[in-house]
Amino acid sequence: MKLKSFIIPIIIFLIGTSFNIFGGLFKILHWGLGPLNPGFLLAIGSIVEVTAIAMVIVILLRHYFKKDD
């Protein structure tokens, strides 16, 4: 298995984590920038993280079920 195949999901997961960090910061400081309220940032961050985890699961399943000819 090539570790190179995990680079995109890791980057996507880090983007989601940064959304969650900023969402938490906005929530603690009671900030809101128009449509960028804390709940929206936390929701987007969680959705992006779940997407990255799903991508890693698909990559691992493809590797597990790959036929070695």
C-alpha atoms as a PDB file:
ATOM      1  CA  MET A   1       0.000   0.000   0.000  1.00  0.00           C
ATOM      2  CA  LYS A   2       1.342   3.370  -0.943  1.00  0.00           C
ATOM      3  CA  LEU A   3       1.175   6.047   1.702  1.00  0.00           C
ATOM      4  CA  LYS A   4       0.871   8.575  -1.103  1.00  0.00           C
ATOM      5  CA  SER A   5      -2.774   7.563  -1.514  1.00  0.00           C
ATOM      6  CA  PHE A   6      -3.531   8.955   1.964  1.00  0.00           C
ATOM      7  CA  ILE A   7      -2.250  12.495   1.323  1.00  0.00           C
ATOM      8  CA  ILE A   8      -5.526  13.929  -0.027  1.00  0.00           C
ATOM      9  CA  PRO A   9      -7.693  12.535   2.822  1.00  0.00           C
ATOM     10  CA  ILE A  10      -5.193  13.819   5.391  1.00  0.00           C
ATOM     11  CA  ILE A  11      -5.260  17.303   3.871  1.00  0.00           C
ATOM     12  CA  ILE A  12      -9.065  17.268   3.783  1.00  0.00           C
ATOM     13  CA  PHE A  13      -9.164  16.095   7.409  1.00  0.00           C
ATOM     14  CA  LEU A  14      -6.823  18.919   8.470  1.00  0.00           C
ATOM     15  CA  ILE A  15      -9.045  21.460   6.681  1.00  0.00           C
ATOM     16  CA  GLY A  16     -12.049  20.097   8.586  1.00  0.00           C
ATOM     17  CA  THR A  17     -10.122  20.251  11.838  1.00  0.00           C
ATOM     18  CA  SER A  18      -9.238  23.895  11.198  1.00  0.00           C
ATOM     19  CA  PHE A  19     -12.934  24.671  10.590  1.00  0.00           C
ATOM     20  CA  ASN A  20     -13.764  23.014  13.912  1.00  0.00           C
ATOM     21  CA  ILE A  21     -11.040  24.935  15.742  1.00  0.00           C
ATOM     22  CA  PHE A  22     -12.225  28.257  14.327  1.00  0.00           C
ATOM     23  CA  GLY A  23     -15.850  27.330  15.045  1.00  0.00           C
ATOM     24  CA  GLY A  24     -14.960  26.562  18.653  1.00  0.00           C
ATOM     25  CA  LEU A  25     -13.010  29.809  18.935  1.00  0.00           C
ATOM     26  CA  PHE A  26     -15.934  31.788  17.500  1.00  0.00           C
ATOM     27  CA  LYS A  27     -18.294  30.057  19.932  1.00  0.00           C
ATOM     28  CA  ILE A  28     -16.104  30.755  22.975  1.00  0.00           C
ATOM     29  CA  LEU A  29     -15.599  34.416  22.030  1.00  0.00           C
ATOM     30  CA  HIS A  30     -19.238  34.900  20.920  1.00  0.00           C
ATOM     31  CA  TRP A  31     -18.171  36.084  17.479  1.00  0.00           C
ATOM     32  CA  GLY A  32     -20.155  35.973  14.286  1.00  0.00           C
ATOM     33  CA  LEU A  33     -19.266  37.227  10.856  1.00  0.00           C
ATOM     34  CA  GLY A  34     -22.568  37.274   9.020  1.00  0.00           C
ATOM     35  CA  PRO A  35     -23.168  33.780   7.680  1.00  0.00           C
ATOM     36  CA  LEU A  36     -19.999  32.492   9.373  1.00  0.00           C
ATOM     37  CA  ASN A  37     -21.548  31.831  12.735  1.00  0.00           C
ATOM     38  CA  PRO A  38     -19.968  29.232  15.037  1.00  0.00           C
ATOM     39  CA  GLY A  39     -22.610  26.578  14.452  1.00  0.00           C
ATOM     40  CA  PHE A  40     -22.112  26.769  10.685  1.00  0.00           C
ATOM     41  CA  LEU A  41     -18.327  26.458  11.010  1.00  0.00           C
ATOM     42  CA  LEU A  42     -18.618  23.483  13.367  1.00  0.00           C
ATOM     43  CA  ALA A  43     -21.111  21.759  11.063  1.00  0.00           C
ATOM     44  CA  ILE A  44     -18.969  22.284   7.965  1.00  0.00           C
ATOM     45  CA  GLY A  45     -15.862  21.107   9.805  1.00  0.00           C
ATOM     46  CA  SER A  46     -17.590  17.938  10.993  1.00  0.00           C
ATOM     47  CA  ILE A  47     -18.957  17.154   7.527  1.00  0.00           C
ATOM     48  CA  VAL A  48     -15.509  17.640   5.974  1.00  0.00           C
ATOM     49  CA  GLU A  49     -13.890  15.391   8.599  1.00  0.00           C
ATOM     50  CA  VAL A  50     -16.464  12.641   8.052  1.00  0.00           C
ATOM     51  CA  THR A  51     -15.843  12.885   4.296  1.00  0.00           C
ATOM     52  CA  ALA A  52     -12.094  12.457   4.828  1.00  0.00           C
ATOM     53  CA  ILE A  53     -12.644   9.460   7.109  1.00  0.00           C
ATOM     54  CA  ALA A  54     -14.942   7.887   4.505  1.00  0.00           C
ATOM     55  CA  MET A  55     -12.243   8.399   1.865  1.00  0.00           C
ATOM     56  CA  VAL A  56      -9.673   6.612   4.044  1.00  0.00           C
ATOM     57  CA  ILE A  57     -12.085   3.720   4.642  1.00  0.00           C
ATOM     58  CA  VAL A  58     -12.664   3.373   0.888  1.00  0.00           C
ATOM     59  CA  ILE A  59      -8.912   3.370   0.230  1.00  0.00           C
ATOM     60  CA  LEU A  60      -8.335   0.716   2.892  1.00  0.00           C
ATOM     61  CA  LEU A  61     -11.173  -1.468   1.575  1.00  0.00           C
ATOM     62  CA  ARG A  62      -9.862  -1.201  -1.980  1.00  0.00           C
ATOM     63  CA  HIS A  63      -6.451  -2.314  -0.762  1.00  0.00           C
ATOM     64  CA  TYR A  64      -7.927  -5.164   1.295  1.00  0.00           C
ATOM     65  CA  PHE A  65     -10.055  -6.556  -1.528  1.00  0.00           C
ATOM     66  CA  LYS A  66      -7.484  -5.960  -4.290  1.00  0.00           C
ATOM     67  CA  LYS A  67      -6.597  -9.127  -6.124  1.00  0.00           C
ATOM     68  CA  ASP A  68      -2.898  -9.771  -6.450  1.00  0.00           C
ATOM     69  CA  ASP A  69      -2.493 -11.216  -9.939  1.00  0.00           C
END
